[in-house]
Amino acid sequence: MEGLEDTLDIVMASKKVNSAGLQLADMVARPIGRHLLNPDQPNRAFEILEAKFRRSRTGQVRGWGLKVYP
């Protein structure tokens, strides 16, 4: 892919920036991660988020609204 390196620049932000987008990502990612690591543990935050995930016609979330990569 020629020229790709000219369009992709990695930008690191300090934690002191306190970005609203990063806060939102943390608030969503943590309950999902906790659920994936220990699905039997009660997790009210995940239950709220799960209701908002995209679903297949059969109601399946994983692979549709929740993508888990190794």
PDB file of N, CA and C in Angstrom:
ATOM      1  N   MET A   1       0.835  -1.172   0.000  1.00  0.00           N
ATOM      2  CA  MET A   1       0.000   0.000   0.000  1.00  0.00           C
ATOM      3  C   MET A   1       0.883   1.239   0.000  1.00  0.00           C
ATOM      4  N   GLU A   2       1.041   1.788  -1.114  1.00  0.00           N
ATOM      5  CA  GLU A   2       1.893   2.954  -1.249  1.00  0.00           C
ATOM      6  C   GLU A   2       1.239   4.185  -0.652  1.00  0.00           C
ATOM      7  N   GLY A   3       2.021   4.973   0.049  1.00  0.00           N
ATOM      8  CA  GLY A   3       1.526   6.224   0.593  1.00  0.00           C
ATOM      9  C   GLY A   3       0.757   6.090   1.897  1.00  0.00           C
ATOM     10  N   LEU A   4       0.546   4.864   2.371  1.00  0.00           N
ATOM     11  CA  LEU A   4      -0.228   4.661   3.588  1.00  0.00           C
ATOM     12  C   LEU A   4       0.476   5.265   4.799  1.00  0.00           C
ATOM     13  N   GLU A   5       1.793   5.152   4.829  1.00  0.00           N
ATOM     14  CA  GLU A   5       2.532   5.694   5.970  1.00  0.00           C
ATOM     15  C   GLU A   5       2.399   7.214   6.095  1.00  0.00           C
ATOM     16  N   ASP A   6       2.024   7.875   5.019  1.00  0.00           N
ATOM     17  CA  ASP A   6       1.831   9.324   5.065  1.00  0.00           C
ATOM     18  C   ASP A   6       0.502   9.707   5.702  1.00  0.00           C
ATOM     19  N   THR A   7      -0.463   8.779   5.742  1.00  0.00           N
ATOM     20  CA  THR A   7      -1.790   9.122   6.248  1.00  0.00           C
ATOM     21  C   THR A   7      -2.047   8.631   7.663  1.00  0.00           C
ATOM     22  N   LEU A   8      -1.235   7.692   8.153  1.00  0.00           N
ATOM     23  CA  LEU A   8      -1.445   7.153   9.486  1.00  0.00           C
ATOM     24  C   LEU A   8      -0.339   7.607  10.426  1.00  0.00           C
ATOM     25  N   ASP A   9      -0.671   8.497  11.328  1.00  0.00           N
ATOM     26  CA  ASP A   9       0.276   8.958  12.328  1.00  0.00           C
ATOM     27  C   ASP A   9      -0.244   8.571  13.700  1.00  0.00           C
ATOM     28  N   ILE A  10       0.593   7.944  14.494  1.00  0.00           N
ATOM     29  CA  ILE A  10       0.211   7.572  15.858  1.00  0.00           C
ATOM     30  C   ILE A  10       0.374   8.791  16.743  1.00  0.00           C
ATOM     31  N   VAL A  11      -0.671   9.105  17.478  1.00  0.00           N
ATOM     32  CA  VAL A  11      -0.636  10.239  18.390  1.00  0.00           C
ATOM     33  C   VAL A  11      -0.901   9.713  19.795  1.00  0.00           C
ATOM     34  N   MET A  12       0.030   9.925  20.685  1.00  0.00           N
ATOM     35  CA  MET A  12      -0.123   9.495  22.078  1.00  0.00           C
ATOM     36  C   MET A  12      -0.553  10.695  22.909  1.00  0.00           C
ATOM     37  N   ALA A  13      -1.597  10.513  23.702  1.00  0.00           N
ATOM     38  CA  ALA A  13      -2.073  11.582  24.573  1.00  0.00           C
ATOM     39  C   ALA A  13      -1.745  11.228  26.012  1.00  0.00           C
ATOM     40  N   SER A  14      -1.387  12.206  26.781  1.00  0.00           N
ATOM     41  CA  SER A  14      -1.103  12.016  28.190  1.00  0.00           C
ATOM     42  C   SER A  14      -2.392  11.702  28.940  1.00  0.00           C
ATOM     43  N   LYS A  15      -2.289  10.938  30.011  1.00  0.00           N
ATOM     44  CA  LYS A  15      -3.462  10.651  30.847  1.00  0.00           C
ATOM     45  C   LYS A  15      -4.013  11.937  31.459  1.00  0.00           C
ATOM     46  N   LYS A  16      -3.186  12.951  31.576  1.00  0.00           N
ATOM     47  CA  LYS A  16      -3.608  14.226  32.157  1.00  0.00           C
ATOM     48  C   LYS A  16      -4.564  14.981  31.246  1.00  0.00           C
ATOM     49  N   VAL A  17      -4.644  14.579  29.984  1.00  0.00           N
ATOM     50  CA  VAL A  17      -5.530  15.250  29.035  1.00  0.00           C
ATOM     51  C   VAL A  17      -6.982  15.084  29.459  1.00  0.00           C
ATOM     52  N   ASN A  18      -7.323  13.940  30.068  1.00  0.00           N
ATOM     53  CA  ASN A  18      -8.661  13.684  30.587  1.00  0.00           C
ATOM     54  C   ASN A  18      -9.718  13.800  29.483  1.00  0.00           C
ATOM     55  N   SER A  19      -9.480  13.149  28.391  1.00  0.00           N
ATOM     56  CA  SER A  19     -10.365  13.199  27.230  1.00  0.00           C
ATOM     57  C   SER A  19     -11.696  12.506  27.515  1.00  0.00           C
ATOM     58  N   ALA A  20     -12.790  13.153  27.147  1.00  0.00           N
ATOM     59  CA  ALA A  20     -14.122  12.577  27.357  1.00  0.00           C
ATOM     60  C   ALA A  20     -14.272  11.280  26.568  1.00  0.00           C
ATOM     61  N   GLY A  21     -13.698  11.215  25.381  1.00  0.00           N
ATOM     62  CA  GLY A  21     -13.786  10.014  24.567  1.00  0.00           C
ATOM     63  C   GLY A  21     -13.083   8.828  25.216  1.00  0.00           C
ATOM     64  N   LEU A  22     -11.930   9.086  25.832  1.00  0.00           N
ATOM     65  CA  LEU A  22     -11.205   8.015  26.518  1.00  0.00           C
ATOM     66  C   LEU A  22     -11.945   7.567  27.765  1.00  0.00           C
ATOM     67  N   GLN A  23     -12.564   8.503  28.459  1.00  0.00           N
ATOM     68  CA  GLN A  23     -13.341   8.137  29.649  1.00  0.00           C
ATOM     69  C   GLN A  23     -14.515   7.247  29.263  1.00  0.00           C
ATOM     70  N   LEU A  24     -15.186   7.592  28.186  1.00  0.00           N
ATOM     71  CA  LEU A  24     -16.318   6.800  27.720  1.00  0.00           C
ATOM     72  C   LEU A  24     -15.854   5.406  27.294  1.00  0.00           C
ATOM     73  N   ALA A  25     -14.746   5.339  26.577  1.00  0.00           N
ATOM     74  CA  ALA A  25     -14.214   4.043  26.144  1.00  0.00           C
ATOM     75  C   ALA A  25     -13.866   3.177  27.353  1.00  0.00           C
ATOM     76  N   ASP A  26     -13.269   3.774  28.387  1.00  0.00           N
ATOM     77  CA  ASP A  26     -12.939   3.024  29.600  1.00  0.00           C
ATOM     78  C   ASP A  26     -14.199   2.531  30.301  1.00  0.00           C
ATOM     79  N   MET A  27     -15.226   3.362  30.363  1.00  0.00           N
ATOM     80  CA  MET A  27     -16.466   2.989  31.051  1.00  0.00           C
ATOM     81  C   MET A  27     -17.189   1.848  30.331  1.00  0.00           C
ATOM     82  N   VAL A  28     -16.983   1.727  29.033  1.00  0.00           N
ATOM     83  CA  VAL A  28     -17.619   0.653  28.264  1.00  0.00           C
ATOM     84  C   VAL A  28     -16.729  -0.589  28.240  1.00  0.00           C
ATOM     85  N   ALA A  29     -15.435  -0.403  28.064  1.00  0.00           N
ATOM     86  CA  ALA A  29     -14.527  -1.542  27.909  1.00  0.00           C
ATOM     87  C   ALA A  29     -14.351  -2.350  29.182  1.00  0.00           C
ATOM     88  N   ARG A  30     -14.299  -1.707  30.324  1.00  0.00           N
ATOM     89  CA  ARG A  30     -14.041  -2.444  31.562  1.00  0.00           C
ATOM     90  C   ARG A  30     -15.138  -3.465  31.887  1.00  0.00           C
ATOM     91  N   PRO A  31     -16.417  -3.103  31.877  1.00  0.00           N
ATOM     92  CA  PRO A  31     -17.439  -4.119  32.170  1.00  0.00           C
ATOM     93  C   PRO A  31     -17.447  -5.273  31.161  1.00  0.00           C
ATOM     94  N   ILE A  32     -17.156  -4.969  29.902  1.00  0.00           N
ATOM     95  CA  ILE A  32     -17.113  -6.023  28.888  1.00  0.00           C
ATOM     96  C   ILE A  32     -15.939  -6.952  29.169  1.00  0.00           C
ATOM     97  N   GLY A  33     -14.781  -6.380  29.469  1.00  0.00           N
ATOM     98  CA  GLY A  33     -13.608  -7.186  29.776  1.00  0.00           C
ATOM     99  C   GLY A  33     -13.814  -8.046  31.006  1.00  0.00           C
ATOM    100  N   ARG A  34     -14.419  -7.468  32.054  1.00  0.00           N
ATOM    101  CA  ARG A  34     -14.691  -8.236  33.272  1.00  0.00           C
ATOM    102  C   ARG A  34     -15.635  -9.397  32.977  1.00  0.00           C
ATOM    103  N   HIS A  35     -16.624  -9.154  32.123  1.00  0.00           N
ATOM    104  CA  HIS A  35     -17.562 -10.219  31.764  1.00  0.00           C
ATOM    105  C   HIS A  35     -16.863 -11.340  30.993  1.00  0.00           C
ATOM    106  N   LEU A  36     -15.985 -10.979  30.081  1.00  0.00           N
ATOM    107  CA  LEU A  36     -15.290 -11.989  29.284  1.00  0.00           C
ATOM    108  C   LEU A  36     -14.320 -12.803  30.138  1.00  0.00           C
ATOM    109  N   LEU A  37     -13.694 -12.174  31.130  1.00  0.00           N
ATOM    110  CA  LEU A  37     -12.747 -12.880  31.982  1.00  0.00           C
ATOM    111  C   LEU A  37     -13.442 -13.762  33.013  1.00  0.00           C
ATOM    112  N   ASN A  38     -14.611 -13.338  33.485  1.00  0.00           N
ATOM    113  CA  ASN A  38     -15.324 -14.095  34.505  1.00  0.00           C
ATOM    114  C   ASN A  38     -16.834 -13.972  34.268  1.00  0.00           C
ATOM    115  N   PRO A  39     -17.373 -14.731  33.317  1.00  0.00           N
ATOM    116  CA  PRO A  39     -18.784 -14.575  32.933  1.00  0.00           C
ATOM    117  C   PRO A  39     -19.777 -14.947  34.033  1.00  0.00           C
ATOM    118  N   ASP A  40     -19.363 -15.706  35.038  1.00  0.00           N
ATOM    119  CA  ASP A  40     -20.280 -16.111  36.106  1.00  0.00           C
ATOM    120  C   ASP A  40     -20.422 -15.056  37.203  1.00  0.00           C
ATOM    121  N   GLN A  41     -19.523 -14.088  37.214  1.00  0.00           N
ATOM    122  CA  GLN A  41     -19.566 -13.035  38.235  1.00  0.00           C
ATOM    123  C   GLN A  41     -20.659 -12.022  37.890  1.00  0.00           C
ATOM    124  N   PRO A  42     -21.475 -11.621  38.863  1.00  0.00           N
ATOM    125  CA  PRO A  42     -22.504 -10.604  38.583  1.00  0.00           C
ATOM    126  C   PRO A  42     -21.861  -9.314  38.074  1.00  0.00           C
ATOM    127  N   ASN A  43     -22.463  -8.711  37.067  1.00  0.00           N
ATOM    128  CA  ASN A  43     -21.883  -7.524  36.432  1.00  0.00           C
ATOM    129  C   ASN A  43     -23.031  -6.678  35.881  1.00  0.00           C
ATOM    130  N   ARG A  44     -23.581  -5.812  36.706  1.00  0.00           N
ATOM    131  CA  ARG A  44     -24.740  -5.004  36.300  1.00  0.00           C
ATOM    132  C   ARG A  44     -24.425  -4.071  35.140  1.00  0.00           C
ATOM    133  N   ALA A  45     -23.211  -3.525  35.124  1.00  0.00           N
ATOM    134  CA  ALA A  45     -22.833  -2.615  34.040  1.00  0.00           C
ATOM    135  C   ALA A  45     -22.862  -3.346  32.697  1.00  0.00           C
ATOM    136  N   PHE A  46     -22.380  -4.598  32.677  1.00  0.00           N
ATOM    137  CA  PHE A  46     -22.407  -5.355  31.430  1.00  0.00           C
ATOM    138  C   PHE A  46     -23.838  -5.652  31.006  1.00  0.00           C
ATOM    139  N   GLU A  47     -24.703  -5.960  31.964  1.00  0.00           N
ATOM    140  CA  GLU A  47     -26.103  -6.237  31.637  1.00  0.00           C
ATOM    141  C   GLU A  47     -26.754  -5.038  30.952  1.00  0.00           C
ATOM    142  N   ILE A  48     -26.427  -3.843  31.412  1.00  0.00           N
ATOM    143  CA  ILE A  48     -26.967  -2.628  30.787  1.00  0.00           C
ATOM    144  C   ILE A  48     -26.414  -2.475  29.375  1.00  0.00           C
ATOM    145  N   LEU A  49     -25.106  -2.682  29.219  1.00  0.00           N
ATOM    146  CA  LEU A  49     -24.482  -2.548  27.901  1.00  0.00           C
ATOM    147  C   LEU A  49     -24.970  -3.617  26.933  1.00  0.00           C
ATOM    148  N   GLU A  50     -25.133  -4.839  27.425  1.00  0.00           N
ATOM    149  CA  GLU A  50     -25.527  -5.946  26.559  1.00  0.00           C
ATOM    150  C   GLU A  50     -26.872  -5.687  25.879  1.00  0.00           C
ATOM    151  N   ALA A  51     -27.745  -4.992  26.549  1.00  0.00           N
ATOM    152  CA  ALA A  51     -29.052  -4.681  25.974  1.00  0.00           C
ATOM    153  C   ALA A  51     -28.926  -3.757  24.760  1.00  0.00           C
ATOM    154  N   LYS A  52     -27.799  -3.081  24.635  1.00  0.00           N
ATOM    155  CA  LYS A  52     -27.598  -2.120  23.549  1.00  0.00           C
ATOM    156  C   LYS A  52     -26.803  -2.679  22.369  1.00  0.00           C
ATOM    157  N   PHE A  53     -26.275  -3.914  22.515  1.00  0.00           N
ATOM    158  CA  PHE A  53     -25.483  -4.514  21.445  1.00  0.00           C
ATOM    159  C   PHE A  53     -26.351  -4.902  20.255  1.00  0.00           C
ATOM    160  N   ARG A  54     -25.764  -4.833  19.085  1.00  0.00           N
ATOM    161  CA  ARG A  54     -26.413  -5.328  17.866  1.00  0.00           C
ATOM    162  C   ARG A  54     -26.548  -6.842  17.971  1.00  0.00           C
ATOM    163  N   ARG A  55     -27.625  -7.386  17.443  1.00  0.00           N
ATOM    164  CA  ARG A  55     -27.881  -8.825  17.549  1.00  0.00           C
ATOM    165  C   ARG A  55     -28.212  -9.422  16.191  1.00  0.00           C
ATOM    166  N   SER A  56     -27.973 -10.735  16.096  1.00  0.00           N
ATOM    167  CA  SER A  56     -28.365 -11.461  14.888  1.00  0.00           C
ATOM    168  C   SER A  56     -29.881 -11.663  14.945  1.00  0.00           C
ATOM    169  N   ARG A  57     -30.428 -12.233  13.914  1.00  0.00           N
ATOM    170  CA  ARG A  57     -31.871 -12.501  13.894  1.00  0.00           C
ATOM    171  C   ARG A  57     -32.281 -13.472  14.988  1.00  0.00           C
ATOM    172  N   THR A  58     -31.338 -14.324  15.410  1.00  0.00           N
ATOM    173  CA  THR A  58     -31.634 -15.286  16.471  1.00  0.00           C
ATOM    174  C   THR A  58     -31.333 -14.728  17.859  1.00  0.00           C
ATOM    175  N   GLY A  59     -30.880 -13.487  17.945  1.00  0.00           N
ATOM    176  CA  GLY A  59     -30.601 -12.850  19.226  1.00  0.00           C
ATOM    177  C   GLY A  59     -29.180 -13.006  19.701  1.00  0.00           C
ATOM    178  N   GLN A  60     -28.313 -13.557  18.869  1.00  0.00           N
ATOM    179  CA  GLN A  60     -26.917 -13.769  19.250  1.00  0.00           C
ATOM    180  C   GLN A  60     -26.156 -12.447  19.229  1.00  0.00           C
ATOM    181  N   VAL A  61     -25.417 -12.173  20.293  1.00  0.00           N
ATOM    182  CA  VAL A  61     -24.642 -10.938  20.403  1.00  0.00           C
ATOM    183  C   VAL A  61     -23.207 -11.149  19.937  1.00  0.00           C
ATOM    184  N   ARG A  62     -22.583 -12.221  20.400  1.00  0.00           N
ATOM    185  CA  ARG A  62     -21.168 -12.469  20.088  1.00  0.00           C
ATOM    186  C   ARG A  62     -20.983 -12.709  18.599  1.00  0.00           C
ATOM    187  N   GLY A  63     -20.099 -11.929  18.019  1.00  0.00           N
ATOM    188  CA  GLY A  63     -19.865 -12.027  16.589  1.00  0.00           C
ATOM    189  C   GLY A  63     -20.696 -11.025  15.800  1.00  0.00           C
ATOM    190  N   TRP A  64     -21.677 -10.423  16.464  1.00  0.00           N
ATOM    191  CA  TRP A  64     -22.517  -9.416  15.807  1.00  0.00           C
ATOM    192  C   TRP A  64     -22.271  -8.057  16.417  1.00  0.00           C
ATOM    193  N   GLY A  65     -22.678  -7.884  17.654  1.00  0.00           N
ATOM    194  CA  GLY A  65     -22.475  -6.613  18.322  1.00  0.00           C
ATOM    195  C   GLY A  65     -21.281  -6.622  19.257  1.00  0.00           C
ATOM    196  N   LEU A  66     -20.774  -7.810  19.547  1.00  0.00           N
ATOM    197  CA  LEU A  66     -19.603  -7.955  20.417  1.00  0.00           C
ATOM    198  C   LEU A  66     -18.573  -8.794  19.673  1.00  0.00           C
ATOM    199  N   LYS A  67     -17.514  -8.161  19.252  1.00  0.00           N
ATOM    200  CA  LYS A  67     -16.433  -8.855  18.546  1.00  0.00           C
ATOM    201  C   LYS A  67     -15.280  -9.041  19.516  1.00  0.00           C
ATOM    202  N   VAL A  68     -14.831 -10.267  19.683  1.00  0.00           N
ATOM    203  CA  VAL A  68     -13.729 -10.576  20.594  1.00  0.00           C
ATOM    204  C   VAL A  68     -12.577 -11.121  19.767  1.00  0.00           C
ATOM    205  N   TYR A  69     -11.457 -10.410  19.850  1.00  0.00           N
ATOM    206  CA  TYR A  69     -10.272 -10.800  19.098  1.00  0.00           C
ATOM    207  C   TYR A  69      -9.249 -11.392  20.055  1.00  0.00           C
ATOM    208  N   PRO A  70      -8.481 -12.364  19.594  1.00  0.00           N
ATOM    209  CA  PRO A  70      -7.480 -12.986  20.497  1.00  0.00           C
ATOM    210  C   PRO A  70      -6.431 -12.015  20.966  1.00  0.00           C
TER     211      PRO A  70
END
